[in-house]
Amino acid sequence: MLPREELKRVLILLQDNFPEAFPRKGFVILKKGIDLDICKSDIVNINRTTLRTVLRIYTNYPGYIDAHVVGARRYDLKGKVVGQVTEDEYKSFAKFQETRLQQKKFLKKAKASEGSKIISDKNDAVEQQHEALDNKSSLTNDQAELKGKAEATVVVRKKRRPLSKGTTG
C-alpha cells in the first residue's frame, strides 16, 4: 500500500494538470480508460499502478458515487463530454459499491468480535476453574479464596486513564 502522502501528491498533480477532469470542488464522472490517457500524456509521469490506486480511491469518494447516476456525462482530460453512464454501468457500479460496503461491515464486525473473543476466552477459563473447584467435594479455605479471586477476574477491565497533575492515586 502506498503512503497516504504519496496518494495526495498524485491527486494534487492530477488536479493541477487536468482541472477539468479533476476539479478541486465537486466531481465529474471520468471516461472509461482515463488512466491510459493520463499515462500517454506528456504532461505527467506517474506509475500506472500508483495512478490506478489513486483513481480507485477518487472514484470511491462519496461525492463521486453520488454523481454516478444513469445519464451522467463522462468527461475526458480536457473536459469534453465523451459519453454517458449507461444503466448497465450504473447497476455494475452500484453492485460493486454494495459489495465494498458489506466487506467493510464484515471487517468491522470481525474486529469487534476479536475483542469479545478475548473476554470470552478469559470467562471460559474462569468457568473451568469454578467447575474444577466445584467437582471437589470439600473446599479448603485456600481453595475458597482462590474461587473468590477467580470470580473477581471476570469483570471486563477498561484502560486506565493517566492521573492528571495534582491528583494522587
N, C-alpha and C. Protein backbone atom coordinates (compact mmCIF):
# COMPACT_ATOMS: atom_id res chain seq x y z
N MET A 1 0.84 -1.18 0.00
CA MET A 1 0.00 0.00 0.00
C MET A 1 0.88 1.23 0.00
N LEU A 2 0.47 2.19 -0.81
CA LEU A 2 1.25 3.42 -0.92
C LEU A 2 0.99 4.34 0.27
N PRO A 3 2.00 5.10 0.65
CA PRO A 3 1.79 6.05 1.75
C PRO A 3 0.73 7.08 1.36
N ARG A 4 -0.04 7.49 2.35
CA ARG A 4 -1.12 8.46 2.13
C ARG A 4 -0.59 9.76 1.50
N GLU A 5 0.59 10.20 1.90
CA GLU A 5 1.17 11.44 1.36
C GLU A 5 1.42 11.33 -0.14
N GLU A 6 1.87 10.15 -0.57
CA GLU A 6 2.12 9.93 -2.00
C GLU A 6 0.82 9.98 -2.79
N LEU A 7 -0.23 9.38 -2.25
CA LEU A 7 -1.53 9.40 -2.93
C LEU A 7 -2.06 10.83 -3.04
N LYS A 8 -1.92 11.60 -1.97
CA LYS A 8 -2.36 13.01 -2.01
C LYS A 8 -1.56 13.79 -3.04
N ARG A 9 -0.25 13.54 -3.08
CA ARG A 9 0.61 14.25 -4.02
C ARG A 9 0.19 13.98 -5.46
N VAL A 10 -0.14 12.73 -5.76
CA VAL A 10 -0.55 12.36 -7.12
C VAL A 10 -1.91 12.99 -7.45
N LEU A 11 -2.83 13.00 -6.51
CA LEU A 11 -4.14 13.62 -6.75
C LEU A 11 -3.98 15.12 -7.01
N ILE A 12 -3.15 15.79 -6.24
CA ILE A 12 -2.91 17.22 -6.46
C ILE A 12 -2.27 17.44 -7.82
N LEU A 13 -1.36 16.56 -8.22
CA LEU A 13 -0.73 16.64 -9.53
C LEU A 13 -1.79 16.53 -10.65
N LEU A 14 -2.73 15.61 -10.47
CA LEU A 14 -3.81 15.46 -11.45
C LEU A 14 -4.71 16.70 -11.47
N GLN A 15 -5.03 17.22 -10.30
CA GLN A 15 -5.88 18.41 -10.23
C GLN A 15 -5.19 19.62 -10.86
N ASP A 16 -3.90 19.75 -10.67
CA ASP A 16 -3.16 20.87 -11.25
C ASP A 16 -3.07 20.78 -12.77
N ASN A 17 -2.87 19.56 -13.28
CA ASN A 17 -2.65 19.39 -14.72
C ASN A 17 -3.92 19.11 -15.52
N PHE A 18 -4.95 18.59 -14.86
CA PHE A 18 -6.21 18.27 -15.55
C PHE A 18 -7.39 18.79 -14.73
N PRO A 19 -7.49 20.11 -14.57
CA PRO A 19 -8.54 20.66 -13.69
C PRO A 19 -9.96 20.38 -14.17
N GLU A 20 -10.16 20.17 -15.46
CA GLU A 20 -11.50 19.89 -15.97
C GLU A 20 -11.96 18.48 -15.59
N ALA A 21 -11.02 17.56 -15.49
CA ALA A 21 -11.35 16.18 -15.13
C ALA A 21 -11.28 15.96 -13.62
N PHE A 22 -10.43 16.71 -12.94
CA PHE A 22 -10.23 16.56 -11.50
C PHE A 22 -10.38 17.91 -10.81
N PRO A 23 -11.61 18.44 -10.77
CA PRO A 23 -11.81 19.74 -10.13
C PRO A 23 -11.53 19.66 -8.63
N ARG A 24 -11.11 20.78 -8.06
CA ARG A 24 -10.83 20.80 -6.62
C ARG A 24 -12.11 20.73 -5.79
N LYS A 25 -13.21 21.23 -6.36
CA LYS A 25 -14.50 21.15 -5.68
C LYS A 25 -15.47 20.41 -6.58
N GLY A 26 -16.15 19.46 -6.04
CA GLY A 26 -17.11 18.67 -6.82
C GLY A 26 -16.42 17.56 -7.59
N PHE A 27 -17.22 16.82 -8.32
CA PHE A 27 -16.71 15.68 -9.07
C PHE A 27 -17.35 15.64 -10.44
N VAL A 28 -16.60 15.15 -11.42
CA VAL A 28 -17.16 14.83 -12.72
C VAL A 28 -16.89 13.35 -12.95
N ILE A 29 -17.79 12.71 -13.68
CA ILE A 29 -17.61 11.29 -13.95
C ILE A 29 -16.56 11.16 -15.06
N LEU A 30 -15.57 10.34 -14.80
CA LEU A 30 -14.45 10.19 -15.74
C LEU A 30 -14.79 9.18 -16.82
N LYS A 31 -14.19 9.39 -17.97
CA LYS A 31 -14.40 8.44 -19.05
C LYS A 31 -13.71 7.12 -18.71
N LYS A 32 -14.20 6.07 -19.29
CA LYS A 32 -13.56 4.77 -19.09
C LYS A 32 -12.19 4.81 -19.77
N GLY A 33 -11.20 4.24 -19.11
CA GLY A 33 -9.86 4.19 -19.68
C GLY A 33 -9.09 5.49 -19.53
N ILE A 34 -9.53 6.37 -18.65
CA ILE A 34 -8.83 7.65 -18.49
C ILE A 34 -7.41 7.45 -17.96
N ASP A 35 -7.18 6.34 -17.27
CA ASP A 35 -5.84 6.05 -16.77
C ASP A 35 -4.84 5.91 -17.92
N LEU A 36 -5.29 5.31 -19.03
CA LEU A 36 -4.41 5.18 -20.20
C LEU A 36 -4.12 6.54 -20.82
N ASP A 37 -5.13 7.41 -20.87
CA ASP A 37 -4.94 8.76 -21.41
C ASP A 37 -3.92 9.53 -20.58
N ILE A 38 -4.01 9.38 -19.26
CA ILE A 38 -3.07 10.09 -18.38
C ILE A 38 -1.65 9.55 -18.59
N CYS A 39 -1.53 8.23 -18.69
CA CYS A 39 -0.21 7.63 -18.90
C CYS A 39 0.39 8.04 -20.24
N LYS A 40 -0.45 8.20 -21.27
CA LYS A 40 0.04 8.58 -22.60
C LYS A 40 0.40 10.06 -22.68
N SER A 41 -0.18 10.87 -21.80
CA SER A 41 0.09 12.31 -21.86
C SER A 41 1.53 12.59 -21.46
N ASP A 42 2.09 13.61 -22.06
CA ASP A 42 3.46 14.00 -21.74
C ASP A 42 3.49 14.97 -20.56
N ILE A 43 2.33 15.31 -20.06
CA ILE A 43 2.23 16.32 -19.01
C ILE A 43 2.70 15.77 -17.67
N VAL A 44 2.25 14.58 -17.32
CA VAL A 44 2.64 13.99 -16.04
C VAL A 44 3.28 12.63 -16.26
N ASN A 45 4.17 12.28 -15.35
CA ASN A 45 4.83 10.99 -15.41
C ASN A 45 4.52 10.26 -14.10
N ILE A 46 3.48 9.41 -14.15
CA ILE A 46 3.03 8.69 -12.97
C ILE A 46 3.04 7.20 -13.27
N ASN A 47 3.51 6.43 -12.33
CA ASN A 47 3.47 4.98 -12.44
C ASN A 47 2.01 4.54 -12.58
N ARG A 48 1.73 3.63 -13.49
CA ARG A 48 0.34 3.24 -13.76
C ARG A 48 -0.32 2.58 -12.55
N THR A 49 0.42 1.80 -11.80
CA THR A 49 -0.14 1.16 -10.61
C THR A 49 -0.53 2.21 -9.58
N THR A 50 0.33 3.18 -9.37
CA THR A 50 0.03 4.28 -8.44
C THR A 50 -1.18 5.06 -8.93
N LEU A 51 -1.22 5.34 -10.22
CA LEU A 51 -2.34 6.08 -10.80
C LEU A 51 -3.66 5.33 -10.61
N ARG A 52 -3.64 4.05 -10.86
CA ARG A 52 -4.87 3.25 -10.71
C ARG A 52 -5.34 3.22 -9.24
N THR A 53 -4.40 3.19 -8.31
CA THR A 53 -4.75 3.24 -6.89
C THR A 53 -5.41 4.57 -6.56
N VAL A 54 -4.83 5.67 -7.04
CA VAL A 54 -5.40 7.00 -6.79
C VAL A 54 -6.79 7.10 -7.43
N LEU A 55 -6.94 6.60 -8.64
CA LEU A 55 -8.25 6.66 -9.31
C LEU A 55 -9.28 5.80 -8.57
N ARG A 56 -8.87 4.67 -8.04
CA ARG A 56 -9.79 3.81 -7.30
C ARG A 56 -10.28 4.54 -6.05
N ILE A 57 -9.37 5.20 -5.35
CA ILE A 57 -9.75 5.96 -4.16
C ILE A 57 -10.65 7.13 -4.55
N TYR A 58 -10.27 7.85 -5.61
CA TYR A 58 -11.03 9.01 -6.08
C TYR A 58 -12.46 8.61 -6.46
N THR A 59 -12.60 7.50 -7.16
CA THR A 59 -13.94 7.08 -7.61
C THR A 59 -14.76 6.43 -6.49
N ASN A 60 -14.16 6.28 -5.31
CA ASN A 60 -14.90 5.78 -4.17
C ASN A 60 -15.25 6.87 -3.16
N TYR A 61 -14.90 8.13 -3.49
CA TYR A 61 -15.33 9.24 -2.65
C TYR A 61 -16.85 9.33 -2.71
N PRO A 62 -17.49 9.65 -1.60
CA PRO A 62 -18.96 9.76 -1.60
C PRO A 62 -19.50 10.71 -2.67
N GLY A 63 -18.82 11.82 -2.92
CA GLY A 63 -19.28 12.78 -3.94
C GLY A 63 -19.27 12.18 -5.34
N TYR A 64 -18.26 11.39 -5.64
CA TYR A 64 -18.18 10.74 -6.95
C TYR A 64 -19.28 9.69 -7.06
N ILE A 65 -19.48 8.94 -6.01
CA ILE A 65 -20.52 7.91 -6.01
C ILE A 65 -21.89 8.55 -6.22
N ASP A 66 -22.15 9.67 -5.52
CA ASP A 66 -23.43 10.36 -5.66
C ASP A 66 -23.64 10.90 -7.07
N ALA A 67 -22.56 11.32 -7.73
CA ALA A 67 -22.67 11.86 -9.08
C ALA A 67 -22.82 10.77 -10.14
N HIS A 68 -22.51 9.55 -9.79
CA HIS A 68 -22.52 8.43 -10.74
C HIS A 68 -23.93 7.86 -10.86
N VAL A 69 -24.73 8.48 -11.73
CA VAL A 69 -26.12 8.07 -11.95
C VAL A 69 -26.33 7.82 -13.44
N VAL A 70 -27.41 7.13 -13.77
CA VAL A 70 -27.73 6.85 -15.17
C VAL A 70 -27.90 8.17 -15.90
N GLY A 71 -27.22 8.30 -17.02
CA GLY A 71 -27.32 9.51 -17.84
C GLY A 71 -26.28 10.57 -17.51
N ALA A 72 -25.51 10.38 -16.43
CA ALA A 72 -24.47 11.35 -16.08
C ALA A 72 -23.42 11.37 -17.18
N ARG A 73 -22.94 12.55 -17.50
CA ARG A 73 -21.95 12.69 -18.57
C ARG A 73 -20.57 12.24 -18.08
N ARG A 74 -19.85 11.61 -19.01
CA ARG A 74 -18.46 11.21 -18.76
C ARG A 74 -17.55 12.21 -19.46
N TYR A 75 -16.47 12.59 -18.78
CA TYR A 75 -15.57 13.61 -19.31
C TYR A 75 -14.17 13.06 -19.52
N ASP A 76 -13.49 13.63 -20.54
CA ASP A 76 -12.10 13.28 -20.77
C ASP A 76 -11.20 14.26 -20.02
N LEU A 77 -9.89 14.20 -20.26
CA LEU A 77 -8.95 15.04 -19.54
C LEU A 77 -9.10 16.52 -19.85
N LYS A 78 -9.63 16.85 -21.03
CA LYS A 78 -9.80 18.25 -21.42
C LYS A 78 -11.17 18.81 -21.05
N GLY A 79 -12.00 17.98 -20.43
CA GLY A 79 -13.32 18.44 -20.01
C GLY A 79 -14.39 18.27 -21.07
N LYS A 80 -14.06 17.55 -22.14
CA LYS A 80 -15.05 17.30 -23.19
C LYS A 80 -15.92 16.11 -22.81
N VAL A 81 -17.23 16.23 -23.13
CA VAL A 81 -18.15 15.12 -22.89
C VAL A 81 -17.85 14.02 -23.90
N VAL A 82 -17.63 12.81 -23.42
CA VAL A 82 -17.30 11.70 -24.31
C VAL A 82 -18.26 10.51 -24.15
N GLY A 83 -19.30 10.70 -23.38
CA GLY A 83 -20.26 9.62 -23.21
C GLY A 83 -21.13 9.86 -21.99
N GLN A 84 -21.95 8.85 -21.69
CA GLN A 84 -22.83 8.91 -20.54
C GLN A 84 -22.77 7.59 -19.78
N VAL A 85 -23.17 7.64 -18.52
CA VAL A 85 -23.27 6.44 -17.72
C VAL A 85 -24.53 5.69 -18.16
N THR A 86 -24.34 4.45 -18.58
CA THR A 86 -25.49 3.64 -19.02
C THR A 86 -26.12 2.97 -17.81
N GLU A 87 -27.29 2.41 -18.01
CA GLU A 87 -27.98 1.71 -16.93
C GLU A 87 -27.17 0.50 -16.46
N ASP A 88 -26.58 -0.23 -17.41
CA ASP A 88 -25.76 -1.39 -17.05
C ASP A 88 -24.54 -0.97 -16.24
N GLU A 89 -23.89 0.13 -16.65
CA GLU A 89 -22.74 0.63 -15.90
C GLU A 89 -23.14 1.05 -14.49
N TYR A 90 -24.29 1.71 -14.39
CA TYR A 90 -24.77 2.15 -13.08
C TYR A 90 -25.04 0.94 -12.18
N LYS A 91 -25.71 -0.08 -12.73
CA LYS A 91 -26.02 -1.28 -11.94
C LYS A 91 -24.73 -1.97 -11.48
N SER A 92 -23.77 -2.07 -12.38
CA SER A 92 -22.49 -2.69 -12.06
C SER A 92 -21.77 -1.90 -10.97
N PHE A 93 -21.78 -0.57 -11.10
CA PHE A 93 -21.13 0.30 -10.12
C PHE A 93 -21.82 0.18 -8.76
N ALA A 94 -23.16 0.18 -8.78
CA ALA A 94 -23.92 0.06 -7.53
C ALA A 94 -23.66 -1.28 -6.85
N LYS A 95 -23.59 -2.33 -7.64
CA LYS A 95 -23.32 -3.67 -7.09
C LYS A 95 -21.92 -3.72 -6.47
N PHE A 96 -20.96 -3.12 -7.15
CA PHE A 96 -19.59 -3.06 -6.65
C PHE A 96 -19.56 -2.29 -5.32
N GLN A 97 -20.25 -1.16 -5.26
CA GLN A 97 -20.27 -0.35 -4.05
C GLN A 97 -20.92 -1.12 -2.89
N GLU A 98 -22.00 -1.84 -3.18
CA GLU A 98 -22.68 -2.63 -2.15
C GLU A 98 -21.76 -3.72 -1.62
N THR A 99 -21.01 -4.37 -2.51
CA THR A 99 -20.06 -5.40 -2.10
C THR A 99 -19.00 -4.80 -1.18
N ARG A 100 -18.47 -3.65 -1.55
CA ARG A 100 -17.46 -2.98 -0.72
C ARG A 100 -18.02 -2.62 0.65
N LEU A 101 -19.27 -2.16 0.68
CA LEU A 101 -19.91 -1.80 1.95
C LEU A 101 -20.05 -3.03 2.83
N GLN A 102 -20.46 -4.16 2.25
CA GLN A 102 -20.59 -5.40 3.00
C GLN A 102 -19.24 -5.86 3.54
N GLN A 103 -18.18 -5.70 2.72
CA GLN A 103 -16.84 -6.08 3.17
C GLN A 103 -16.41 -5.23 4.36
N LYS A 104 -16.69 -3.92 4.30
CA LYS A 104 -16.32 -3.04 5.40
C LYS A 104 -17.07 -3.43 6.67
N LYS A 105 -18.38 -3.73 6.54
CA LYS A 105 -19.17 -4.13 7.69
C LYS A 105 -18.63 -5.42 8.28
N PHE A 106 -18.27 -6.37 7.42
CA PHE A 106 -17.74 -7.64 7.88
C PHE A 106 -16.44 -7.44 8.65
N LEU A 107 -15.53 -6.61 8.09
CA LEU A 107 -14.25 -6.37 8.75
C LEU A 107 -14.46 -5.69 10.10
N LYS A 108 -15.38 -4.74 10.15
CA LYS A 108 -15.66 -4.04 11.40
C LYS A 108 -16.20 -5.02 12.44
N LYS A 109 -17.10 -5.90 12.00
CA LYS A 109 -17.69 -6.89 12.89
C LYS A 109 -16.62 -7.87 13.37
N ALA A 110 -15.72 -8.26 12.46
CA ALA A 110 -14.65 -9.20 12.81
C ALA A 110 -13.72 -8.59 13.85
N LYS A 111 -13.40 -7.32 13.69
CA LYS A 111 -12.53 -6.66 14.67
C LYS A 111 -13.21 -6.58 16.02
N ALA A 112 -14.51 -6.27 16.02
CA ALA A 112 -15.25 -6.17 17.28
C ALA A 112 -15.33 -7.54 17.95
N SER A 113 -15.57 -8.59 17.17
CA SER A 113 -15.70 -9.92 17.77
C SER A 113 -14.35 -10.43 18.27
N GLU A 114 -13.27 -9.95 17.69
CA GLU A 114 -11.93 -10.33 18.16
C GLU A 114 -11.75 -9.91 19.61
N GLY A 115 -12.17 -8.68 19.93
CA GLY A 115 -12.06 -8.18 21.30
C GLY A 115 -12.95 -8.96 22.24
N SER A 116 -14.17 -9.28 21.81
CA SER A 116 -15.08 -10.03 22.68
C SER A 116 -14.62 -11.47 22.83
N LYS A 117 -13.91 -12.01 21.84
CA LYS A 117 -13.41 -13.38 21.94
C LYS A 117 -12.37 -13.48 23.06
N ILE A 118 -11.56 -12.45 23.18
CA ILE A 118 -10.55 -12.44 24.26
C ILE A 118 -11.25 -12.48 25.61
N ILE A 119 -12.28 -11.66 25.77
CA ILE A 119 -13.04 -11.63 27.02
C ILE A 119 -13.71 -12.98 27.23
N SER A 120 -14.28 -13.54 26.17
CA SER A 120 -14.96 -14.83 26.26
C SER A 120 -13.98 -15.93 26.69
N ASP A 121 -12.77 -15.90 26.12
CA ASP A 121 -11.76 -16.89 26.47
C ASP A 121 -11.40 -16.79 27.96
N LYS A 122 -11.29 -15.55 28.47
CA LYS A 122 -10.98 -15.37 29.88
C LYS A 122 -12.12 -15.91 30.74
N ASN A 123 -13.35 -15.61 30.33
CA ASN A 123 -14.51 -16.09 31.08
C ASN A 123 -14.58 -17.61 31.06
N ASP A 124 -14.25 -18.23 29.92
CA ASP A 124 -14.24 -19.69 29.82
C ASP A 124 -13.21 -20.29 30.79
N ALA A 125 -12.06 -19.66 30.89
CA ALA A 125 -11.02 -20.15 31.79
C ALA A 125 -11.48 -20.07 33.23
N VAL A 126 -12.15 -18.99 33.57
CA VAL A 126 -12.66 -18.83 34.93
C VAL A 126 -13.72 -19.89 35.22
N GLU A 127 -14.61 -20.14 34.24
CA GLU A 127 -15.65 -21.16 34.41
C GLU A 127 -15.03 -22.54 34.62
N GLN A 128 -13.97 -22.84 33.89
CA GLN A 128 -13.29 -24.12 34.05
C GLN A 128 -12.70 -24.24 35.45
N GLN A 129 -12.15 -23.13 35.95
CA GLN A 129 -11.62 -23.14 37.31
C GLN A 129 -12.74 -23.41 38.30
N HIS A 130 -13.90 -22.77 38.10
CA HIS A 130 -15.04 -22.98 39.00
C HIS A 130 -15.48 -24.43 38.99
N GLU A 131 -15.61 -25.00 37.78
CA GLU A 131 -16.05 -26.39 37.66
C GLU A 131 -15.07 -27.32 38.37
N ALA A 132 -13.78 -27.07 38.17
CA ALA A 132 -12.78 -27.92 38.81
C ALA A 132 -12.89 -27.83 40.32
N LEU A 133 -13.12 -26.61 40.81
CA LEU A 133 -13.24 -26.43 42.25
C LEU A 133 -14.55 -27.03 42.77
N ASP A 134 -15.62 -26.88 42.01
CA ASP A 134 -16.92 -27.41 42.44
C ASP A 134 -16.94 -28.94 42.43
N ASN A 135 -16.16 -29.55 41.56
CA ASN A 135 -16.13 -31.01 41.48
C ASN A 135 -15.51 -31.64 42.71
N LYS A 136 -14.71 -30.92 43.42
CA LYS A 136 -14.14 -31.45 44.65
C LYS A 136 -15.21 -31.30 45.73
N SER A 137 -15.39 -32.33 46.50
CA SER A 137 -16.49 -32.32 47.47
C SER A 137 -16.29 -31.29 48.58
N SER A 138 -15.08 -31.13 49.02
CA SER A 138 -14.87 -30.17 50.10
C SER A 138 -13.81 -29.17 49.69
N LEU A 139 -14.09 -27.91 49.94
CA LEU A 139 -13.14 -26.86 49.60
C LEU A 139 -12.36 -26.48 50.85
N THR A 140 -11.07 -26.39 50.67
CA THR A 140 -10.27 -25.88 51.78
C THR A 140 -10.41 -24.37 51.79
N ASN A 141 -9.96 -23.73 52.82
CA ASN A 141 -10.03 -22.27 52.90
C ASN A 141 -9.26 -21.62 51.75
N ASP A 142 -8.11 -22.19 51.42
CA ASP A 142 -7.31 -21.65 50.31
C ASP A 142 -8.05 -21.76 48.98
N GLN A 143 -8.72 -22.88 48.77
CA GLN A 143 -9.46 -23.07 47.51
C GLN A 143 -10.65 -22.11 47.43
N ALA A 144 -11.35 -21.89 48.53
CA ALA A 144 -12.47 -20.96 48.55
C ALA A 144 -11.99 -19.55 48.22
N GLU A 145 -10.83 -19.19 48.77
CA GLU A 145 -10.26 -17.88 48.49
C GLU A 145 -9.90 -17.77 47.01
N LEU A 146 -9.32 -18.83 46.44
CA LEU A 146 -8.97 -18.86 45.03
C LEU A 146 -10.21 -18.70 44.16
N LYS A 147 -11.30 -19.37 44.51
CA LYS A 147 -12.54 -19.26 43.75
C LYS A 147 -13.05 -17.83 43.78
N GLY A 148 -12.99 -17.18 44.92
CA GLY A 148 -13.42 -15.78 45.04
C GLY A 148 -12.59 -14.87 44.17
N LYS A 149 -11.27 -15.11 44.14
CA LYS A 149 -10.40 -14.30 43.28
C LYS A 149 -10.71 -14.53 41.81
N ALA A 150 -11.01 -15.77 41.43
CA ALA A 150 -11.33 -16.09 40.04
C ALA A 150 -12.60 -15.37 39.61
N GLU A 151 -13.60 -15.32 40.49
CA GLU A 151 -14.84 -14.62 40.16
C GLU A 151 -14.58 -13.14 39.96
N ALA A 152 -13.65 -12.58 40.69
CA ALA A 152 -13.35 -11.16 40.56
C ALA A 152 -12.68 -10.84 39.23
N THR A 153 -12.02 -11.82 38.61
CA THR A 153 -11.33 -11.55 37.34
C THR A 153 -12.26 -11.56 36.15
N VAL A 154 -13.53 -11.94 36.33
CA VAL A 154 -14.47 -11.99 35.22
C VAL A 154 -14.82 -10.59 34.74
N VAL A 155 -14.72 -9.60 35.60
CA VAL A 155 -15.07 -8.23 35.25
C VAL A 155 -14.20 -7.77 34.09
N VAL A 156 -14.83 -7.13 33.09
CA VAL A 156 -14.09 -6.61 31.93
C VAL A 156 -13.34 -5.37 32.38
N ARG A 157 -12.07 -5.37 32.11
CA ARG A 157 -11.24 -4.25 32.54
C ARG A 157 -11.15 -3.21 31.44
N LYS A 158 -11.28 -1.95 31.83
CA LYS A 158 -11.13 -0.84 30.89
C LYS A 158 -9.72 -0.29 31.03
N LYS A 159 -9.29 0.42 29.97
CA LYS A 159 -7.97 1.04 30.05
C LYS A 159 -8.01 2.13 31.10
N ARG A 160 -6.96 2.21 31.87
CA ARG A 160 -6.89 3.25 32.89
C ARG A 160 -6.42 4.54 32.27
N ARG A 161 -7.03 5.61 32.68
CA ARG A 161 -6.58 6.92 32.25
C ARG A 161 -5.42 7.34 33.15
N PRO A 162 -4.46 8.06 32.59
CA PRO A 162 -3.37 8.53 33.43
C PRO A 162 -3.92 9.59 34.40
N LEU A 163 -3.37 9.61 35.59
CA LEU A 163 -3.79 10.59 36.58
C LEU A 163 -3.40 11.98 36.09
N SER A 164 -4.31 12.92 36.26
CA SER A 164 -3.96 14.28 35.87
C SER A 164 -3.05 14.87 36.94
N LYS A 165 -2.36 15.94 36.57
CA LYS A 165 -1.42 16.56 37.50
C LYS A 165 -2.15 17.04 38.73
N GLY A 166 -1.54 16.87 39.85
CA GLY A 166 -2.11 17.36 41.10
C GLY A 166 -2.94 16.32 41.83
N THR A 167 -3.27 15.20 41.19
CA THR A 167 -4.03 14.16 41.88
C THR A 167 -3.10 13.06 42.29
N THR A 168 -3.44 12.43 43.33
CA THR A 168 -2.61 11.30 43.79
C THR A 168 -3.44 10.04 43.72
N GLY A 169 -2.83 8.96 43.54
CA GLY A 169 -3.59 7.74 43.40
C GLY A 169 -3.07 6.70 44.24
